[in-house]
């Protein structure tokens, strides 16, 4: 029975450290995957985080008269004291204990989220093994557009199948390899190895002429598995694509200019 209670107590005390990792993964799951860590180091880090949070919390509570010995003393002798006395002590302190565990767990969750934010935005990026991926993630969070030019492993007649599209989502494994990349506004083309230098063919939109008139609410994701990617180029330049709305706006602007010129005459 004592072993069971000890196990439960250890899990409860480690809740702030467990929630630290939940907060770390909730803000940006990549930070959970590619920080230099392993099973042993994760347990050690959870213990350190939990100890720090508990120490700070108990120190703050002691300033308002809380004494840990008065709370834990009766629990240490629960097998010797009358059961009614133990139950009475437990019920009297159950709500404060739950509130304490809830607040310390929230502190761990917030600390994990702040750590992930620091990794993504830059100040704590040294904690990550593969730092380049966060330039793309941070650009996406700030509303910028990254275009990917993907060279696949599909080769036929000295031609390599390639794709171009706006990066919608990508995932990097702990070993630093892309698991997959999802693109939007996609075009396909070929890189041809003929002559002295490779050349690329004309880029063809995957939906043809319909792609320009498709509503932005419609899905047009292209998922490329990491095992099918030979190389990939990320470009942070603004994405310029033709669309029916853009053509209409251009025609209206040109017509307004022509009317203004006619009025002057």
Protein backbone atom coordinates (compact mmCIF):
# COMPACT_ATOMS: atom_id res chain seq x y z
CA UNK A 1 0.00 0.00 0.00
CA UNK A 2 2.84 2.39 0.85
CA UNK A 3 4.45 1.74 -2.54
CA UNK A 4 1.19 2.59 -4.30
CA UNK A 5 0.76 5.83 -2.34
CA UNK A 6 4.40 6.74 -2.99
CA UNK A 7 3.89 6.25 -6.73
CA UNK A 8 0.76 8.39 -6.72
CA UNK A 9 2.52 11.08 -4.71
CA UNK A 10 5.47 11.17 -7.12
CA UNK A 11 3.17 11.51 -10.14
CA UNK A 12 1.21 14.28 -8.45
CA UNK A 13 4.38 16.16 -7.52
CA UNK A 14 5.66 15.84 -11.08
CA UNK A 15 2.51 17.40 -12.58
CA UNK A 16 4.15 20.84 -13.09
CA UNK A 17 7.00 19.19 -15.01
CA UNK A 18 4.56 17.12 -17.08
CA UNK A 19 2.50 20.18 -17.91
CA UNK A 20 5.70 21.99 -18.85
CA UNK A 21 6.15 19.55 -21.74
CA UNK A 22 2.46 19.88 -22.63
CA UNK A 23 2.88 23.65 -22.85
CA UNK A 24 6.07 23.20 -24.85
CA UNK A 25 4.26 21.08 -27.42
CA UNK A 26 0.99 23.05 -27.43
CA UNK A 27 2.45 26.28 -28.78
CA UNK A 28 4.65 24.68 -31.41
CA UNK A 29 4.90 20.92 -31.73
CA UNK A 30 8.24 21.06 -33.53
CA UNK A 31 9.90 22.47 -30.43
CA UNK A 32 8.84 19.31 -28.60
CA UNK A 33 10.45 17.14 -31.26
CA UNK A 34 13.78 18.74 -32.07
CA UNK A 35 15.13 20.08 -28.78
CA UNK A 36 18.24 18.13 -27.80
CA UNK A 37 16.61 15.66 -25.44
CA UNK A 38 15.93 12.01 -24.69
CA UNK A 39 13.78 9.97 -22.34
CA UNK A 40 16.19 10.23 -19.40
CA UNK A 41 16.83 13.94 -19.92
CA UNK A 42 13.08 14.60 -20.26
CA UNK A 43 12.42 12.93 -16.91
CA UNK A 44 15.28 14.86 -15.35
CA UNK A 45 14.01 18.12 -16.81
CA UNK A 46 10.48 17.39 -15.59
CA UNK A 47 11.85 16.79 -12.09
CA UNK A 48 13.90 20.00 -12.17
CA UNK A 49 10.96 22.08 -13.40
CA UNK A 50 8.64 20.54 -10.81
CA UNK A 51 11.12 21.13 -7.97
CA UNK A 52 11.67 24.76 -9.02
CA UNK A 53 7.94 25.49 -9.28
CA UNK A 54 7.13 23.77 -5.98
CA UNK A 55 9.97 25.61 -4.24
CA UNK A 56 8.79 28.99 -5.51
CA UNK A 57 5.15 28.20 -4.69
CA UNK A 58 5.87 27.00 -1.14
CA UNK A 59 8.15 29.99 -0.54
CA UNK A 60 5.37 32.34 -1.59
CA UNK A 61 2.82 30.50 0.57
CA UNK A 62 5.13 30.62 3.58
CA UNK A 63 4.97 34.41 3.49
CA UNK A 64 1.26 34.18 4.33
CA UNK A 65 1.70 31.67 7.17
CA UNK A 66 1.62 28.30 5.40
CA UNK A 67 3.73 25.56 6.98
CA UNK A 68 4.41 22.44 4.96
CA UNK A 69 5.22 20.35 8.05
CA UNK A 70 1.77 21.00 9.50
CA UNK A 71 0.20 19.70 6.29
CA UNK A 72 2.41 16.65 5.70
CA UNK A 73 2.90 15.60 9.34
CA UNK A 74 -0.43 13.76 9.78
CA UNK A 75 -0.03 12.14 6.34
CA UNK A 76 3.31 10.60 7.35
CA UNK A 77 1.60 8.68 10.17
CA UNK A 78 -1.61 7.79 8.33
CA UNK A 79 -1.13 4.05 9.05
CA UNK A 80 -0.75 4.66 12.79
CA UNK A 81 -3.44 7.28 13.40
CA UNK A 82 -7.16 6.43 13.55
CA UNK A 83 -8.71 6.29 10.10
CA UNK A 84 -11.35 8.83 11.05
CA UNK A 85 -8.67 11.36 12.01
CA UNK A 86 -6.78 10.76 8.77
CA UNK A 87 -9.94 11.14 6.66
CA UNK A 88 -10.87 14.32 8.51
CA UNK A 89 -7.44 15.83 7.90
CA UNK A 90 -7.54 14.79 4.26
CA UNK A 91 -10.97 16.27 3.56
CA UNK A 92 -10.08 19.52 5.32
CA UNK A 93 -7.06 20.02 3.09
CA UNK A 94 -8.33 18.43 -0.13
CA UNK A 95 -9.63 21.59 -1.78
CA UNK A 96 -6.51 23.69 -1.00
CA UNK A 97 -4.33 20.81 -2.25
CA UNK A 98 -6.29 20.58 -5.51
CA UNK A 99 -6.04 24.35 -5.97
CA UNK A 100 -2.32 24.22 -5.28
CA UNK A 101 -1.75 21.42 -7.79
CA UNK A 102 -3.93 23.20 -10.34
CA UNK A 103 -2.01 26.48 -10.02
CA UNK A 104 1.42 24.83 -10.10
CA UNK A 105 0.39 22.76 -13.13
CA UNK A 106 -0.78 25.94 -14.87
CA UNK A 107 2.56 27.51 -13.99
CA UNK A 108 4.33 24.57 -15.64
CA UNK A 109 2.06 24.84 -18.68
CA UNK A 110 2.76 28.57 -19.00
CA UNK A 111 6.49 28.09 -18.55
CA UNK A 112 6.51 25.47 -21.30
CA UNK A 113 4.55 27.72 -23.66
CA UNK A 114 6.88 30.65 -22.96
CA UNK A 115 9.88 28.42 -23.63
CA UNK A 116 8.39 27.33 -26.98
CA UNK A 117 7.68 30.96 -27.88
CA UNK A 118 11.27 31.85 -27.09
CA UNK A 119 12.52 29.03 -29.30
CA UNK A 120 10.31 30.05 -32.22
CA UNK A 121 10.92 33.79 -31.99
CA UNK A 122 14.65 33.56 -31.39
CA UNK A 123 15.89 34.23 -27.81
CA UNK A 124 15.92 30.53 -26.86
CA UNK A 125 16.59 29.09 -30.29
CA UNK A 126 19.98 27.79 -29.12
CA UNK A 127 18.05 25.01 -27.36
CA UNK A 128 16.99 23.53 -30.70
CA UNK A 129 19.13 21.19 -32.73
CA UNK A 130 17.79 22.32 -36.12
CA UNK A 131 17.42 26.09 -35.94
CA UNK A 132 16.67 26.91 -39.60
CA UNK A 133 13.15 25.50 -39.45
CA UNK A 134 12.06 28.29 -37.10
CA UNK A 135 12.76 31.00 -39.67
CA UNK A 136 9.98 29.43 -41.74
CA UNK A 137 7.66 28.87 -38.77
CA UNK A 138 8.18 32.40 -37.45
CA UNK A 139 7.53 33.88 -40.90
CA UNK A 140 4.27 31.94 -41.13
CA UNK A 141 3.14 33.14 -37.68
CA UNK A 142 3.80 36.74 -38.74
CA UNK A 143 1.69 36.34 -41.87
CA UNK A 144 4.54 36.24 -44.36
CA UNK A 145 4.62 33.77 -47.23
CA UNK A 146 7.26 31.16 -47.93
CA UNK A 147 7.40 29.53 -51.34
CA UNK A 148 8.89 26.07 -51.73
CA UNK A 149 10.49 24.63 -54.84
CA UNK A 150 10.50 20.87 -54.33
CA UNK A 151 12.69 18.47 -56.28
CA UNK A 152 11.26 14.97 -56.04
CA UNK A 153 12.82 11.55 -56.54
CA UNK A 154 10.66 10.94 -59.63
CA UNK A 155 13.07 10.81 -62.59
CA UNK A 156 12.34 9.73 -66.16
CA UNK A 157 14.20 10.41 -69.40
CA UNK A 158 16.64 12.84 -67.74
CA UNK A 159 13.69 14.80 -66.32
CA UNK A 160 13.07 15.36 -62.61
CA UNK A 161 9.54 16.12 -61.44
CA UNK A 162 9.35 19.33 -59.41
CA UNK A 163 6.65 21.31 -57.61
CA UNK A 164 6.29 24.94 -56.62
CA UNK A 165 3.82 26.16 -54.04
CA UNK A 166 3.18 28.19 -50.93
CA UNK A 167 4.24 26.42 -47.75
CA UNK A 168 1.12 25.58 -45.77
CA UNK A 169 2.60 23.15 -43.29
CA UNK A 170 5.70 21.06 -42.79
CA UNK A 171 7.04 18.77 -40.14
CA UNK A 172 10.63 18.07 -39.23
CA UNK A 173 11.57 14.92 -37.32
CA UNK A 174 14.08 14.74 -34.50
CA UNK A 175 16.75 13.49 -36.90
CA UNK A 176 16.43 16.67 -38.98
CA UNK A 177 14.66 15.17 -41.99
CA UNK A 178 11.41 16.48 -43.44
CA UNK A 179 8.55 14.09 -42.70
CA UNK A 180 6.25 15.87 -45.12
CA UNK A 181 5.47 19.25 -46.63
CA UNK A 182 2.01 20.53 -47.59
CA UNK A 183 1.77 23.17 -50.34
CA UNK A 184 -0.98 25.41 -51.73
CA UNK A 185 -1.31 27.26 -55.06
CA UNK A 186 0.79 24.51 -56.60
CA UNK A 187 2.40 24.16 -59.98
CA UNK A 188 4.36 21.26 -61.42
CA UNK A 189 7.23 21.36 -63.84
CA UNK A 190 10.37 19.47 -64.79
CA UNK A 191 14.06 20.05 -64.45
CA UNK A 192 15.70 18.69 -67.56
CA UNK A 193 19.34 17.64 -67.64
CA UNK A 194 20.21 18.33 -71.24
CA UNK A 195 23.32 20.10 -72.49
CA UNK A 196 25.80 21.81 -70.23
CA UNK A 197 23.33 23.16 -67.66
CA UNK A 198 19.98 21.91 -66.34
CA UNK A 199 16.92 23.86 -67.48
CA UNK A 200 13.35 23.94 -66.21
CA UNK A 201 10.17 23.58 -68.20
CA UNK A 202 7.11 25.83 -68.05
CA UNK A 203 5.29 25.66 -64.73
CA UNK A 204 1.78 24.21 -65.10
CA UNK A 205 -0.83 24.87 -62.43
CA UNK A 206 -2.20 21.64 -60.99
CA UNK A 207 -5.82 22.68 -61.57
CA UNK A 208 -5.10 24.24 -64.94
CA UNK A 209 -6.99 27.39 -65.86
CA UNK A 210 -9.55 26.62 -63.14
CA UNK A 211 -6.96 27.28 -60.44
CA UNK A 212 -7.22 31.06 -60.91
CA UNK A 213 -10.99 31.05 -60.42
CA UNK A 214 -11.12 28.67 -57.47
CA UNK A 215 -12.45 30.13 -54.24
CA UNK A 216 -9.90 30.58 -51.46
CA UNK A 217 -12.27 28.59 -49.22
CA UNK A 218 -11.66 25.44 -51.29
CA UNK A 219 -8.87 23.10 -50.28
CA UNK A 220 -5.99 22.65 -52.66
CA UNK A 221 -3.32 21.05 -50.50
CA UNK A 222 -0.55 19.04 -52.12
CA UNK A 223 1.06 16.69 -49.62
CA UNK A 224 4.55 15.52 -50.50
CA UNK A 225 6.02 12.77 -48.36
CA UNK A 226 9.53 13.35 -47.09
CA UNK A 227 10.74 10.09 -48.63
CA UNK A 228 9.84 11.50 -52.07
CA UNK A 229 11.80 14.75 -51.59
CA UNK A 230 15.31 14.88 -53.02
CA UNK A 231 15.84 18.56 -52.26
CA UNK A 232 13.81 21.62 -51.46
CA UNK A 233 14.37 25.36 -51.77
CA UNK A 234 12.52 27.78 -49.49
CA UNK A 235 12.05 31.34 -50.75
CA UNK A 236 10.67 34.11 -48.54
CA UNK A 237 10.00 36.43 -51.49
CA UNK A 238 6.37 37.63 -51.88
CA UNK A 239 4.16 35.23 -53.78
CA UNK A 240 2.77 36.69 -57.00
CA UNK A 241 0.05 34.67 -58.70
CA UNK A 242 -2.54 35.45 -61.33
CA UNK A 243 -6.19 35.36 -60.36
CA UNK A 244 -9.53 36.35 -61.83
CA UNK A 245 -9.99 38.96 -59.09
CA UNK A 246 -6.57 40.43 -59.81
CA UNK A 247 -7.24 40.60 -63.54
CA UNK A 248 -10.57 42.35 -62.96
CA UNK A 249 -8.93 44.82 -60.60
CA UNK A 250 -6.21 45.51 -63.17
CA UNK A 251 -8.79 46.04 -65.95
CA UNK A 252 -10.78 48.41 -63.74
CA UNK A 253 -7.66 50.37 -62.85
CA UNK A 254 -6.62 50.65 -66.51
CA UNK A 255 -10.13 51.74 -67.49
CA UNK A 256 -10.10 54.40 -64.78
CA UNK A 257 -6.77 55.70 -66.10
CA UNK A 258 -8.15 55.84 -69.65
CA UNK A 259 -11.26 57.70 -68.51
CA UNK A 260 -9.13 60.17 -66.57
CA UNK A 261 -7.02 60.78 -69.69
CA UNK A 262 -10.11 61.32 -71.84
CA UNK A 263 -11.56 63.84 -69.38
CA UNK A 264 -8.38 65.91 -69.49
CA UNK A 265 -8.63 66.15 -73.26
